[in-house]
Amino acid sequence: MSDILTGPDCTTMTEVRAGVDQVDRDLIALLARRFQYMDAAARIKPERGAVRDEARKAQVIANACAAARTAGVPEEAVADLWERLVEASIAYELAAFDRR
């Protein structure tokens, strides 16, 4: 099967799994793009202490929760995922800053 169906169009678990696997590949590509921005931030920020910005972290998570509400996606799950994503991004950016 070469065509990936949308969720509502799936009638078999094979179709569902193919769709989920494609979404996972897409998410990884988007995460790679996001981490490129972390590399850029580490290059641009003048000091290591500027890497952690709690106000920005709260804003990013709030933006994700608002988008989740609009999309009808469970907001609590998104908040948890974004908490972990932002913390992982901060750790990555700190390591990138230290490699400079």
C-alpha atoms as a PDB file:
ATOM      1  CA  MET A   1       0.000   0.000   0.000  1.00  0.00           C
ATOM      2  CA  SER A   2       1.578   3.288  -1.076  1.00  0.00           C
ATOM      3  CA  ASP A   3      -1.191   5.761  -0.261  1.00  0.00           C
ATOM      4  CA  ILE A   4      -1.579   6.818   3.342  1.00  0.00           C
ATOM      5  CA  LEU A   5      -5.222   7.303   4.264  1.00  0.00           C
ATOM      6  CA  THR A   6      -6.545   9.874   6.702  1.00  0.00           C
ATOM      7  CA  GLY A   7      -7.701   8.488  10.044  1.00  0.00           C
ATOM      8  CA  PRO A   8     -11.423   8.695   9.225  1.00  0.00           C
ATOM      9  CA  ASP A   9     -10.832   6.846   5.929  1.00  0.00           C
ATOM     10  CA  CYS A  10      -9.034   3.883   7.518  1.00  0.00           C
ATOM     11  CA  THR A  11     -10.931   0.609   7.649  1.00  0.00           C
ATOM     12  CA  THR A  12      -8.121  -1.759   8.681  1.00  0.00           C
ATOM     13  CA  MET A  13      -5.415  -1.754  11.328  1.00  0.00           C
ATOM     14  CA  THR A  14      -2.827  -2.024   8.544  1.00  0.00           C
ATOM     15  CA  GLU A  15      -4.051   1.326   7.218  1.00  0.00           C
ATOM     16  CA  VAL A  16      -4.091   2.835  10.718  1.00  0.00           C
ATOM     17  CA  ARG A  17      -0.548   1.639  11.430  1.00  0.00           C
ATOM     18  CA  ALA A  18       0.714   2.941   8.091  1.00  0.00           C
ATOM     19  CA  GLY A  19      -0.781   6.332   8.909  1.00  0.00           C
ATOM     20  CA  VAL A  20       0.683   6.401  12.408  1.00  0.00           C
ATOM     21  CA  ASP A  21       4.117   5.399  11.079  1.00  0.00           C
ATOM     22  CA  GLN A  22       3.970   8.203   8.500  1.00  0.00           C
ATOM     23  CA  VAL A  23       2.956  10.750  11.128  1.00  0.00           C
ATOM     24  CA  ASP A  24       5.866   9.571  13.295  1.00  0.00           C
ATOM     25  CA  ARG A  25       8.287  10.088  10.390  1.00  0.00           C
ATOM     26  CA  ASP A  26       6.815  13.552   9.829  1.00  0.00           C
ATOM     27  CA  LEU A  27       7.171  14.393  13.525  1.00  0.00           C
ATOM     28  CA  ILE A  28      10.824  13.353  13.524  1.00  0.00           C
ATOM     29  CA  ALA A  29      11.470  15.592  10.508  1.00  0.00           C
ATOM     30  CA  LEU A  30       9.776  18.481  12.333  1.00  0.00           C
ATOM     31  CA  LEU A  31      11.775  17.782  15.495  1.00  0.00           C
ATOM     32  CA  ALA A  32      14.991  17.835  13.470  1.00  0.00           C
ATOM     33  CA  ARG A  33      13.946  21.238  12.145  1.00  0.00           C
ATOM     34  CA  ARG A  34      13.120  22.449  15.671  1.00  0.00           C
ATOM     35  CA  PHE A  35      16.519  21.358  16.979  1.00  0.00           C
ATOM     36  CA  GLN A  36      18.204  23.276  14.138  1.00  0.00           C
ATOM     37  CA  TYR A  37      16.645  26.357  15.697  1.00  0.00           C
ATOM     38  CA  MET A  38      18.161  25.342  19.043  1.00  0.00           C
ATOM     39  CA  ASP A  39      21.563  25.207  17.317  1.00  0.00           C
ATOM     40  CA  ALA A  40      20.921  28.701  15.962  1.00  0.00           C
ATOM     41  CA  ALA A  41      19.851  29.966  19.387  1.00  0.00           C
ATOM     42  CA  ALA A  42      23.011  28.568  20.968  1.00  0.00           C
ATOM     43  CA  ARG A  43      25.057  30.316  18.291  1.00  0.00           C
ATOM     44  CA  ILE A  44      23.225  33.644  18.676  1.00  0.00           C
ATOM     45  CA  LYS A  45      22.799  33.965  22.457  1.00  0.00           C
ATOM     46  CA  PRO A  46      25.663  35.903  23.991  1.00  0.00           C
ATOM     47  CA  GLU A  47      25.914  33.914  27.230  1.00  0.00           C
ATOM     48  CA  ARG A  48      25.030  30.467  28.547  1.00  0.00           C
ATOM     49  CA  GLY A  49      22.720  31.922  31.198  1.00  0.00           C
ATOM     50  CA  ALA A  50      20.448  33.202  28.433  1.00  0.00           C
ATOM     51  CA  VAL A  51      19.631  29.647  27.330  1.00  0.00           C
ATOM     52  CA  ARG A  52      17.022  29.012  30.042  1.00  0.00           C
ATOM     53  CA  ASP A  53      14.189  31.523  29.753  1.00  0.00           C
ATOM     54  CA  GLU A  54      11.263  30.507  31.960  1.00  0.00           C
ATOM     55  CA  ALA A  55       8.958  33.195  30.545  1.00  0.00           C
ATOM     56  CA  ARG A  56       9.577  31.960  27.009  1.00  0.00           C
ATOM     57  CA  LYS A  57       9.123  28.346  28.121  1.00  0.00           C
ATOM     58  CA  ALA A  58       5.724  29.206  29.610  1.00  0.00           C
ATOM     59  CA  GLN A  59       4.765  31.058  26.430  1.00  0.00           C
ATOM     60  CA  VAL A  60       5.734  28.116  24.186  1.00  0.00           C
ATOM     61  CA  ILE A  61       3.715  25.669  26.309  1.00  0.00           C
ATOM     62  CA  ALA A  62       0.728  28.039  26.444  1.00  0.00           C
ATOM     63  CA  ASN A  63       0.860  28.451  22.647  1.00  0.00           C
ATOM     64  CA  ALA A  64       0.894  24.671  22.206  1.00  0.00           C
ATOM     65  CA  CYS A  65      -2.053  24.266  24.594  1.00  0.00           C
ATOM     66  CA  ALA A  66      -4.036  26.922  22.727  1.00  0.00           C
ATOM     67  CA  ALA A  67      -3.315  25.178  19.422  1.00  0.00           C
ATOM     68  CA  ALA A  68      -4.368  21.871  20.994  1.00  0.00           C
ATOM     69  CA  ARG A  69      -7.683  23.350  22.122  1.00  0.00           C
ATOM     70  CA  THR A  70      -8.308  24.709  18.613  1.00  0.00           C
ATOM     71  CA  ALA A  71      -7.443  21.362  17.033  1.00  0.00           C
ATOM     72  CA  GLY A  72      -9.506  19.332  19.508  1.00  0.00           C
ATOM     73  CA  VAL A  73      -6.426  17.531  20.809  1.00  0.00           C
ATOM     74  CA  PRO A  74      -6.210  16.667  24.548  1.00  0.00           C
ATOM     75  CA  GLU A  75      -4.683  19.774  26.099  1.00  0.00           C
ATOM     76  CA  GLU A  76      -3.216  17.994  29.148  1.00  0.00           C
ATOM     77  CA  ALA A  77      -1.358  15.550  26.922  1.00  0.00           C
ATOM     78  CA  VAL A  78       0.026  18.402  24.827  1.00  0.00           C
ATOM     79  CA  ALA A  79       1.086  20.342  27.935  1.00  0.00           C
ATOM     80  CA  ASP A  80       2.967  17.276  29.198  1.00  0.00           C
ATOM     81  CA  LEU A  81       4.595  16.602  25.837  1.00  0.00           C
ATOM     82  CA  TRP A  82       5.631  20.237  25.408  1.00  0.00           C
ATOM     83  CA  GLU A  83       7.057  20.406  28.928  1.00  0.00           C
ATOM     84  CA  ARG A  84       9.297  17.481  28.024  1.00  0.00           C
ATOM     85  CA  LEU A  85      10.064  18.873  24.563  1.00  0.00           C
ATOM     86  CA  VAL A  86      11.054  22.287  25.870  1.00  0.00           C
ATOM     87  CA  GLU A  87      13.229  20.795  28.614  1.00  0.00           C
ATOM     88  CA  ALA A  88      14.906  18.509  26.074  1.00  0.00           C
ATOM     89  CA  SER A  89      15.416  21.516  23.809  1.00  0.00           C
ATOM     90  CA  ILE A  90      17.004  23.498  26.633  1.00  0.00           C
ATOM     91  CA  ALA A  91      19.355  20.611  27.435  1.00  0.00           C
ATOM     92  CA  TYR A  92      20.243  20.310  23.750  1.00  0.00           C
ATOM     93  CA  GLU A  93      20.826  24.050  23.440  1.00  0.00           C
ATOM     94  CA  LEU A  94      23.042  24.083  26.538  1.00  0.00           C
ATOM     95  CA  ALA A  95      25.161  21.300  25.053  1.00  0.00           C
ATOM     96  CA  ALA A  96      25.321  23.165  21.738  1.00  0.00           C
ATOM     97  CA  PHE A  97      26.338  26.345  23.562  1.00  0.00           C
ATOM     98  CA  ASP A  98      29.105  24.459  25.366  1.00  0.00           C
ATOM     99  CA  ARG A  99      30.445  23.141  22.043  1.00  0.00           C
ATOM    100  CA  ARG A 100      30.938  26.666  20.704  1.00  0.00           C
END
